[in-house]
Structures are given as structure tokens and as C-alpha cells.
Amino acid sequence: MSQSSHQEDLTEKILKQEDSFNDKNSESFKDQIIKQEGNFKGQIKKHEDNIEFLNSQSNRLTESVVDLQMSLGKYHSTNVTKSENGNGAFHTEEETVEQILKKENSAASIFCWIKANTQTSNLAFVKDAVGVVATLAKVESDDLSSWKYLLWSHLSSRFWILSEYVGLETMLAIVCSTNEGVKALEKYDPEGTVNSTGGLHGIGSSTGKKINGRFVVICLEDLRPFVGGFVENDPQKKLAIPKPRLPNGECPPGFLDYAVNMIHLDSNRLSFLTASGHGLRETLFYSLFSRLQIYKTRNEMMLALPCITDGALSLDGGMIRKCGIFALGSRKDVEVKFPLIAGESDVPPDYTEAEDVVRKLQWETSKLAADIQREQQLLDFRKAKSTSQACSGETTW
């Protein structure tokens, strides 16, 4: 056999081997594509099943919430007249709002006006906002009346002294649930200056009002909550903060409670939860008051100095801002006050328990909504990737 003929046979053999190799590779690649398609379909089906399950759970929770709210609504409608004609109030929430509205060029005043106006109540920052600090809690006086040594003039001491301690600027602070709400309140020009036509400023301008200076906004999701739990079986969900102790181990004479536990939250405030499942008392009011102690008299407060860490107040006007910092002189006239309520609550325990259940169900529903959104995003991603892979496979074949 000639060298030329032998070379041709060798070339032909190599080409056949290459064709066979390419055929096997092509089949192997096709098998991989088919396998990947099967995996994608399985993953897509899994996400679709998850979404269907989560939606059914969400619908079930929503129905439970609606049923409970209807029951609570019936109770409220039959008892609201009795409540209004009962013990009464020295200073209502409506009066507090009126005090805020008098601060015409304040952000809080404009916000309260917007919230009461049905045409603007659906704005993004209104939906996210919880309210103005001064309207989010009340101060009870029923237990104060049982301290027999106090004169009637002291019955509203807690009423003004907590408001004075917080200060006007913070009493007028707008409370938002999330940072998105904070961002929606104010817009900026490219140079970084405040845009007077956007957010809260824009609404104010349209009504002939201009916000003067800065204003405080509190974002609940950024606050570090109290993590020590609640007082057992307490309908107000008071915080389980250990009582202060003197060096001898005894509780200081005249100690009444911590300020954070001496405010009263209405049912709608108690039912509020942040996205992480925390209420107003352990977030907002713990941030404002921390472990601020309340004493009957200034003398008793001063005797308790060794165990005061985060400040103290007394019903006769004593004020320690924080350890080593005293506020002396006469008290200020408080322009915006927490609402004051009198008399013991006649709300039955089962009503309070039902409200607690509603609060938890609403929180679970919000968490489910986040889970559904996440599953939908994963589903969309899988579908897009599957389509992209299919197109790539067709081109390769």
C-alpha cells in the first residue's frame, strides 16, 4: 500500500471517530438540557404550590381577623355610649389634636389635617405613619386618686409632667413604621435642598401653610425594642422591668412605677405591631422613656438617687433628666399634652384577649404577605431562567 493511500485511510478513520464523538457529545448535551428543563419545571411547580398554600393560609387568617373584628365592633358599638357617659376624661385625644392644630406651621399640624382629610388620607406617608407622639398614648388618673395623701391638684401631675419631660418637639414628632414612610415625608432637589413642592411640605404649601424649621420623625423599625418580656396577664402589655433596688436591697420608698408602664394604650394602639412583631410600648415609648422612674415626692426621689440610672420624675414637679443632670425651677406650661383619662377600664378580659388574637393574626398575615411576595419573585426568576435556557438549547442544537 502506498504512503498516500495509507494516509487517506488514517484521515477517514479520524473523521469517523470525530463524527462519533460529536454525535455522542450532541446527545449528551441534549440529555443535559432535557434534565435541566425537568429540574426547572420541578422548581417552578414547587414555587407555585408554595404560593397556593400561602395564599390559602393568608385567606384563612384574613377571614379569622374579619370575624373577630366584627365581634369586637359589635361590642364597641353597644358600649361606646356607656363609656362616654361614664367616668369621663379631663383632657381627650380630640383636645390634644386641637392643641396640635393650633401649631399651624408645624409638620404635626399639617399631618393631622391630612390624616383627617379623606382626599389625602391615602398618601404613602399617611398610610405608613402611625401618628403624632402626643396622640399615641393616654395617662390614667384612677390609680392616682387612690394615693390618699395627694391633694386633688396632684391628680393630673402625671398628665403634665410626662408631657413636659418628653418636650414639645418630641410630642409633635411624627411616628412612621418604616424608612419608606420617612422618605415619603420629604423630597430633595439635586443640590440637596428641601423641595417645598414635595411630600409633607408640598401638601402644606397647597393649603397656605409652611413648615418652619426642622421637625422630628421617629422610625419604629430602626428603634431597638425592650426585650425583657411583659408583665404576666397584664392587658396593657406592661414591660417586665425589675424594680429599682437600693444598696440594702430594698425598693426605694415612694417609687410608683416606670414611666413607660404608666401610660395607657387604647385597644387600637395595643393591636399595632411592627414588621418584626413589636408593639408601641416596647419600641416607641421605651425609646422615649427608657427606665425613667416615677416617685410620689421630690424628697423620695432624691433619696433614691443611688438606684436611678435613666432619670426620674416626681408628682410634685421634681425632674432628673438622667444620672447627674437635674431640671430645676418652676415647671413649664405644657402646650401639647398627652390625653388624660379617668376611671378604671370596664373592658372585659375576653375582649382584651380577642384584641390580642387579632393583633397576632394581623402580624402573621403581614408575614405571609412577605413570604408570598418572595415566592412570587423566585417563581418569576425560575420561569425567566427556564425560558432563557430553552432558547439557548434550541440555538445549540
Protein backbone atom coordinates (compact mmCIF):
# COMPACT_ATOMS: atom_id res chain seq x y z
CA MET A 1 0.00 0.00 0.00
CA SER A 2 1.31 3.38 -0.95
CA GLN A 3 2.01 6.02 1.65
CA SER A 4 -0.67 8.26 0.12
CA SER A 5 -3.35 5.57 0.36
CA HIS A 6 -2.41 4.80 3.96
CA GLN A 7 -2.70 8.50 4.88
CA GLU A 8 -6.17 8.71 3.32
CA ASP A 9 -7.35 5.68 5.32
CA LEU A 10 -5.99 7.23 8.50
CA THR A 11 -7.69 10.55 7.80
CA GLU A 12 -11.00 8.79 7.12
CA LYS A 13 -10.71 6.87 10.38
CA ILE A 14 -10.02 10.04 12.36
CA LEU A 15 -13.01 11.80 10.78
CA LYS A 16 -15.30 8.87 11.66
CA GLN A 17 -14.07 8.99 15.25
CA GLU A 18 -14.68 12.74 15.40
CA ASP A 19 -18.19 12.31 13.98
CA SER A 20 -18.91 9.60 16.53
CA PHE A 21 -17.55 11.81 19.33
CA ASN A 22 -19.60 14.80 18.16
CA ASP A 23 -22.75 12.65 17.94
CA LYS A 24 -22.21 11.41 21.49
CA ASN A 25 -21.48 14.93 22.74
CA SER A 26 -24.59 16.23 20.99
CA GLU A 27 -26.73 13.53 22.56
CA SER A 28 -25.10 14.15 25.96
CA PHE A 29 -25.76 17.90 25.68
CA LYS A 30 -29.37 17.29 24.67
CA ASP A 31 -29.79 14.97 27.66
CA GLN A 32 -28.40 17.67 29.94
CA ILE A 33 -30.79 20.25 28.53
CA ILE A 34 -33.76 17.89 28.94
CA LYS A 35 -32.66 17.13 32.51
CA GLN A 36 -32.28 20.83 33.29
CA GLU A 37 -35.72 21.52 31.84
CA GLY A 38 -37.14 18.85 34.11
CA ASN A 39 -35.41 20.41 37.10
CA PHE A 40 -36.71 23.86 36.21
CA LYS A 41 -40.25 22.52 35.81
CA GLY A 42 -39.98 20.83 39.20
CA GLN A 43 -38.73 24.02 40.84
CA ILE A 44 -41.45 26.09 39.17
CA LYS A 45 -44.11 23.61 40.34
CA LYS A 46 -42.71 23.77 43.87
CA HIS A 47 -42.92 27.58 43.98
CA GLU A 48 -46.44 27.51 42.51
CA ASP A 49 -47.52 25.02 45.19
CA ASN A 50 -45.92 27.18 47.89
CA ILE A 51 -47.76 30.28 46.65
CA GLU A 52 -51.07 28.39 46.53
CA PHE A 53 -50.56 27.14 50.10
CA LEU A 54 -49.51 30.56 51.42
CA ASN A 55 -52.50 32.23 49.74
CA SER A 56 -54.88 29.73 51.35
CA GLN A 57 -53.26 30.37 54.75
CA SER A 58 -53.48 34.13 54.21
CA ASN A 59 -57.17 33.90 53.23
CA ARG A 60 -57.89 31.79 56.31
CA LEU A 61 -56.18 34.30 58.61
CA THR A 62 -57.93 37.23 56.93
CA GLU A 63 -61.32 35.58 57.46
CA SER A 64 -60.48 34.98 61.13
CA VAL A 65 -59.43 38.61 61.57
CA VAL A 66 -62.63 39.89 59.92
CA ASP A 67 -64.81 37.64 62.11
CA LEU A 68 -63.08 38.79 65.30
CA GLN A 69 -63.17 42.44 64.26
CA MET A 70 -66.90 42.18 63.61
CA SER A 71 -67.41 40.75 67.10
CA LEU A 72 -65.27 43.48 68.64
CA GLY A 73 -67.10 46.11 66.60
CA LYS A 74 -70.45 44.92 67.92
CA TYR A 75 -69.16 45.12 71.49
CA HIS A 76 -67.73 48.58 70.91
CA SER A 77 -70.91 49.93 69.31
CA THR A 78 -73.05 48.74 72.23
CA ASN A 79 -70.68 50.03 74.90
CA VAL A 80 -69.32 53.26 73.48
CA THR A 81 -72.22 55.34 74.83
CA LYS A 82 -71.77 53.84 78.27
CA SER A 83 -68.06 54.58 78.13
CA GLU A 84 -68.59 58.20 77.09
CA ASN A 85 -71.14 58.78 79.82
CA GLY A 86 -69.09 57.01 82.48
CA ASN A 87 -66.10 58.40 84.29
CA GLY A 88 -65.33 60.94 81.60
CA ALA A 89 -61.99 62.50 80.77
CA PHE A 90 -60.17 65.61 81.87
CA HIS A 91 -58.48 66.00 78.52
CA THR A 92 -59.47 63.99 75.47
CA GLU A 93 -57.49 62.95 72.41
CA GLU A 94 -59.61 65.37 70.37
CA GLU A 95 -58.41 68.21 72.60
CA THR A 96 -54.82 67.08 72.10
CA VAL A 97 -55.33 67.16 68.32
CA GLU A 98 -56.80 70.66 68.67
CA GLN A 99 -53.66 71.73 70.54
CA ILE A 100 -51.54 70.31 67.71
CA LEU A 101 -53.61 72.03 65.01
CA LYS A 102 -53.02 75.37 66.74
CA LYS A 103 -49.33 74.93 65.88
CA GLU A 104 -50.27 75.92 62.34
CA ASN A 105 -46.83 75.93 60.75
CA SER A 106 -45.69 72.67 62.31
CA ALA A 107 -45.31 69.37 60.47
CA ALA A 108 -47.53 67.70 63.09
CA SER A 109 -50.34 70.18 62.46
CA ILE A 110 -50.23 69.62 58.70
CA PHE A 111 -50.03 65.85 59.21
CA CYS A 112 -53.11 65.83 61.49
CA TRP A 113 -55.01 67.89 58.92
CA ILE A 114 -54.02 65.46 56.14
CA LYS A 115 -54.98 62.41 58.18
CA ALA A 116 -58.43 63.84 58.87
CA ASN A 117 -58.96 64.72 55.20
CA THR A 118 -60.35 61.79 53.20
CA GLN A 119 -58.90 63.11 49.92
CA THR A 120 -55.32 62.98 51.23
CA SER A 121 -55.53 60.10 53.73
CA ASN A 122 -54.32 57.58 51.12
CA LEU A 123 -50.94 59.23 50.57
CA ALA A 124 -47.94 56.90 51.03
CA PHE A 125 -46.56 58.63 54.12
CA VAL A 126 -50.01 58.79 55.73
CA LYS A 127 -50.50 55.03 55.30
CA ASP A 128 -47.08 54.28 56.78
CA ALA A 129 -47.35 56.80 59.61
CA VAL A 130 -48.66 55.63 62.98
CA GLY A 131 -49.44 59.13 64.23
CA VAL A 132 -48.09 62.04 66.26
CA VAL A 133 -46.45 61.06 69.56
CA ALA A 134 -48.87 63.14 71.66
CA THR A 135 -51.87 61.20 70.30
CA LEU A 136 -50.49 57.68 70.69
CA ALA A 137 -50.89 57.26 74.45
CA LYS A 138 -53.03 58.45 77.33
CA VAL A 139 -52.32 58.97 81.00
CA GLU A 140 -54.65 57.46 83.55
CA SER A 141 -55.55 59.15 86.81
CA ASP A 142 -57.67 56.49 88.50
CA ASP A 143 -54.75 54.99 90.44
CA LEU A 144 -53.51 58.46 91.38
CA SER A 145 -56.79 59.13 93.16
CA SER A 146 -56.10 56.22 95.49
CA TRP A 147 -52.99 57.87 96.92
CA LYS A 148 -54.86 59.48 99.79
CA TYR A 149 -52.11 61.82 100.84
CA LEU A 150 -52.22 63.62 97.50
CA LEU A 151 -54.38 66.70 97.05
CA TRP A 152 -56.81 66.91 94.11
CA SER A 153 -54.40 69.31 92.42
CA HIS A 154 -51.93 66.46 92.11
CA LEU A 155 -54.32 64.16 90.28
CA SER A 156 -53.15 65.41 86.91
CA SER A 157 -49.46 65.61 87.81
CA ARG A 158 -48.56 62.69 85.62
CA PHE A 159 -50.63 64.35 82.92
CA TRP A 160 -48.33 67.35 82.56
CA ILE A 161 -45.02 66.08 83.92
CA LEU A 162 -44.62 63.27 81.35
CA SER A 163 -45.52 65.71 78.58
CA GLU A 164 -43.03 68.25 79.93
CA TYR A 165 -40.31 65.60 80.18
CA VAL A 166 -40.81 64.47 76.58
CA GLY A 167 -40.75 68.10 75.40
CA LEU A 168 -42.78 69.90 72.75
CA GLU A 169 -40.50 68.97 69.83
CA THR A 170 -40.84 65.23 70.52
CA MET A 171 -44.52 65.45 71.49
CA LEU A 172 -45.06 66.80 67.95
CA ALA A 173 -42.87 64.12 66.34
CA ILE A 174 -44.42 62.07 63.52
CA VAL A 175 -44.04 58.32 64.02
CA CYS A 176 -43.54 56.13 60.93
CA SER A 177 -43.47 52.35 60.73
CA THR A 178 -40.69 52.09 58.14
CA ASN A 179 -37.96 54.11 56.46
CA GLU A 180 -40.09 54.22 53.32
CA GLY A 181 -42.59 56.35 55.22
CA VAL A 182 -39.81 58.64 56.44
CA LYS A 183 -38.52 59.09 52.87
CA ALA A 184 -42.01 59.91 51.59
CA LEU A 185 -42.38 62.79 54.07
CA GLU A 186 -39.71 64.93 52.46
CA LYS A 187 -38.23 65.30 48.96
CA TYR A 188 -34.99 66.98 47.92
CA ASP A 189 -33.64 68.88 44.92
CA PRO A 190 -30.47 67.63 43.14
CA GLU A 191 -28.50 70.16 45.21
CA GLY A 192 -29.76 68.55 48.43
CA THR A 193 -32.13 71.34 49.46
CA VAL A 194 -35.65 70.55 50.65
CA ASN A 195 -38.20 70.52 47.81
CA SER A 196 -41.07 72.69 49.02
CA THR A 197 -43.46 71.13 46.50
CA GLY A 198 -42.95 67.50 47.52
CA GLY A 199 -44.02 65.32 50.45
CA LEU A 200 -45.45 66.97 53.55
CA HIS A 201 -44.06 70.36 52.51
CA GLY A 202 -45.99 70.23 49.24
CA ILE A 203 -49.30 69.47 50.97
CA GLY A 204 -48.64 72.27 53.44
CA SER A 205 -47.91 74.75 50.65
CA SER A 206 -51.13 73.83 48.85
CA THR A 207 -53.09 74.77 51.98
CA GLY A 208 -51.21 78.01 52.57
CA LYS A 209 -49.02 76.63 55.37
CA LYS A 210 -45.25 76.42 55.51
CA ILE A 211 -43.29 74.18 57.85
CA ASN A 212 -40.94 76.31 59.90
CA GLY A 213 -37.53 74.81 60.67
CA ARG A 214 -36.84 71.17 61.36
CA PHE A 215 -39.26 68.57 62.68
CA VAL A 216 -38.70 65.21 64.33
CA VAL A 217 -39.69 61.93 62.68
CA ILE A 218 -39.34 58.61 64.51
CA CYS A 219 -38.90 55.38 62.55
CA LEU A 220 -40.10 52.36 64.54
CA GLU A 221 -38.21 49.75 62.53
CA ASP A 222 -34.91 51.43 63.48
CA LEU A 223 -35.60 51.52 67.24
CA ARG A 224 -34.08 48.90 69.50
CA PRO A 225 -37.01 47.33 71.39
CA PHE A 226 -37.16 46.25 75.03
CA VAL A 227 -36.52 42.50 75.09
CA GLY A 228 -37.31 41.61 78.70
CA GLY A 229 -40.87 40.41 78.15
CA PHE A 230 -44.18 41.59 79.58
CA VAL A 231 -45.88 41.60 82.97
CA GLU A 232 -47.80 38.34 83.15
CA ASN A 233 -51.55 38.56 82.42
CA ASP A 234 -51.40 42.35 82.08
CA PRO A 235 -53.95 43.56 79.48
CA GLN A 236 -51.85 46.66 78.81
CA LYS A 237 -48.75 44.58 77.98
CA LYS A 238 -46.62 46.47 80.51
CA LEU A 239 -42.90 45.76 80.37
CA ALA A 240 -41.43 43.37 82.93
CA ILE A 241 -38.71 45.73 84.18
CA PRO A 242 -37.28 44.77 87.60
CA LYS A 243 -37.98 47.31 90.33
CA PRO A 244 -35.06 49.53 91.35
CA ARG A 245 -33.16 48.45 94.45
CA LEU A 246 -31.21 50.48 96.97
CA PRO A 247 -27.79 49.22 98.13
CA ASN A 248 -29.59 47.47 101.02
CA GLY A 249 -31.68 45.51 98.51
CA GLU A 250 -34.97 47.28 99.25
CA CYS A 251 -37.20 49.10 96.75
CA PRO A 252 -36.95 52.89 97.28
CA PRO A 253 -39.84 54.39 99.31
CA GLY A 254 -42.25 56.35 97.13
CA PHE A 255 -41.38 54.50 93.93
CA LEU A 256 -44.56 54.13 91.85
CA ASP A 257 -43.52 52.59 88.54
CA TYR A 258 -41.53 53.21 85.40
CA ALA A 259 -42.90 55.94 83.13
CA VAL A 260 -43.10 53.54 80.19
CA ASN A 261 -45.62 51.48 82.19
CA MET A 262 -47.65 54.47 83.42
CA ILE A 263 -49.05 55.34 80.02
CA HIS A 264 -52.29 53.82 78.76
CA LEU A 265 -52.62 52.45 75.22
CA ASP A 266 -56.05 52.25 73.61
CA SER A 267 -57.03 48.96 72.00
CA ASN A 268 -56.09 50.11 68.51
CA ARG A 269 -52.65 51.14 69.78
CA LEU A 270 -52.20 47.86 71.65
CA SER A 271 -53.03 45.93 68.50
CA PHE A 272 -50.34 47.70 66.48
CA LEU A 273 -47.23 45.65 65.65
CA THR A 274 -44.14 46.47 63.64
CA ALA A 275 -42.97 44.15 60.87
CA SER A 276 -40.73 42.42 63.43
CA GLY A 277 -43.66 41.85 65.79
CA HIS A 278 -43.09 44.57 68.41
CA GLY A 279 -45.68 46.93 69.90
CA LEU A 280 -45.60 50.66 70.62
CA ARG A 281 -44.77 50.30 74.32
CA GLU A 282 -41.59 48.27 73.80
CA THR A 283 -40.42 50.36 70.83
CA LEU A 284 -41.57 53.98 70.75
CA PHE A 285 -42.27 54.59 74.42
CA TYR A 286 -39.34 52.56 75.70
CA SER A 287 -37.16 54.65 73.39
CA LEU A 288 -38.65 57.87 74.81
CA PHE A 289 -38.68 56.93 78.50
CA SER A 290 -36.27 54.01 78.83
CA ARG A 291 -36.21 53.21 82.60
CA LEU A 292 -37.39 56.63 83.75
CA GLN A 293 -38.68 56.20 87.32
CA ILE A 294 -41.72 57.91 88.87
CA TYR A 295 -41.86 58.84 92.58
CA LYS A 296 -44.55 60.36 94.76
CA THR A 297 -42.43 63.24 96.05
CA ARG A 298 -39.22 65.07 95.22
CA ASN A 299 -37.70 64.13 98.60
CA GLU A 300 -38.33 60.43 97.99
CA MET A 301 -36.87 60.76 94.50
CA MET A 302 -33.68 62.34 95.88
CA LEU A 303 -33.30 59.59 98.47
CA ALA A 304 -33.44 57.06 95.62
CA LEU A 305 -30.51 58.61 93.70
CA PRO A 306 -28.24 55.55 94.16
CA CYS A 307 -30.58 53.43 92.04
CA ILE A 308 -31.64 55.99 89.41
CA THR A 309 -29.91 55.30 86.09
CA ASP A 310 -32.16 56.75 83.36
CA GLY A 311 -33.70 59.71 85.16
CA ALA A 312 -36.71 60.18 87.42
CA LEU A 313 -39.79 62.34 87.93
CA SER A 314 -41.90 63.11 90.98
CA LEU A 315 -45.55 64.06 91.09
CA ASP A 316 -44.76 67.33 92.84
CA GLY A 317 -42.55 68.50 89.97
CA GLY A 318 -39.12 67.00 90.57
CA MET A 319 -37.18 66.09 87.45
CA ILE A 320 -33.88 64.31 86.89
CA ARG A 321 -33.17 64.19 83.16
CA LYS A 322 -30.58 61.47 83.55
CA CYS A 323 -27.98 60.48 86.09
CA GLY A 324 -26.31 63.69 87.31
CA ILE A 325 -28.46 66.10 85.25
CA PHE A 326 -31.26 67.87 87.20
CA ALA A 327 -34.01 70.16 85.87
CA LEU A 328 -34.68 72.85 88.48
CA GLY A 329 -37.04 75.83 88.63
CA SER A 330 -40.78 76.05 88.02
CA ARG A 331 -42.47 73.74 85.58
CA LYS A 332 -43.18 74.94 82.06
CA ASP A 333 -46.65 75.45 80.68
CA VAL A 334 -47.12 72.36 78.53
CA GLU A 335 -48.61 73.43 75.19
CA VAL A 336 -49.35 69.93 73.90
CA LYS A 337 -50.26 67.26 76.43
CA PHE A 338 -50.97 63.55 76.45
CA PRO A 339 -54.73 62.93 76.75
CA LEU A 340 -55.83 62.21 80.30
CA ILE A 341 -58.39 59.57 81.12
CA ALA A 342 -60.02 58.84 84.44
CA GLY A 343 -61.64 55.78 85.90
CA GLU A 344 -60.90 52.10 85.65
CA SER A 345 -61.40 50.30 82.40
CA ASP A 346 -64.56 48.18 82.28
CA VAL A 347 -63.43 46.23 79.24
CA PRO A 348 -63.93 42.51 79.96
CA PRO A 349 -60.90 40.17 79.82
CA ASP A 350 -62.26 38.20 76.85
CA TYR A 351 -62.49 41.44 74.84
CA THR A 352 -58.83 42.20 75.57
CA GLU A 353 -57.86 38.63 74.72
CA ALA A 354 -59.75 38.84 71.42
CA GLU A 355 -57.92 42.05 70.54
CA ASP A 356 -54.64 40.34 71.32
CA VAL A 357 -55.57 37.49 68.98
CA VAL A 358 -56.46 39.99 66.23
CA ARG A 359 -53.11 41.69 66.67
CA LYS A 360 -51.22 38.41 66.33
CA LEU A 361 -53.29 37.29 63.34
CA GLN A 362 -52.70 40.61 61.58
CA TRP A 363 -48.97 40.27 62.19
CA GLU A 364 -48.99 36.69 60.85
CA THR A 365 -50.93 37.89 57.79
CA SER A 366 -48.32 40.56 57.08
CA LYS A 367 -45.55 37.97 57.37
CA LEU A 368 -47.41 35.66 54.99
CA ALA A 369 -47.75 38.52 52.50
CA ALA A 370 -43.96 38.95 52.59
CA ASP A 371 -43.49 35.18 52.08
CA ILE A 372 -45.90 35.20 49.13
CA GLN A 373 -44.04 38.11 47.53
CA ARG A 374 -40.71 36.29 47.98
CA GLU A 375 -42.07 33.05 46.47
CA GLN A 376 -43.51 35.01 43.52
CA GLN A 377 -40.11 36.59 42.88
CA LEU A 378 -38.45 33.17 42.95
CA LEU A 379 -41.11 31.79 40.61
CA ASP A 380 -40.62 34.64 38.13
CA PHE A 381 -36.86 34.12 38.28
CA ARG A 382 -37.16 30.37 37.61
CA LYS A 383 -39.53 30.92 34.70
CA ALA A 384 -37.24 33.52 33.14
CA LYS A 385 -34.21 31.28 33.56
CA SER A 386 -36.07 28.30 32.10
CA THR A 387 -37.09 30.33 29.03
CA SER A 388 -33.54 31.61 28.59
CA GLN A 389 -32.13 28.09 28.88
CA ALA A 390 -34.64 26.72 26.35
CA CYS A 391 -33.71 29.39 23.80
CA SER A 392 -30.02 28.68 24.34
CA GLY A 393 -30.58 24.94 23.85
CA GLU A 394 -32.51 25.40 20.60
CA THR A 395 -29.72 27.53 19.15
CA THR A 396 -27.07 24.98 20.12
CA TRP A 397 -28.93 22.07 18.61
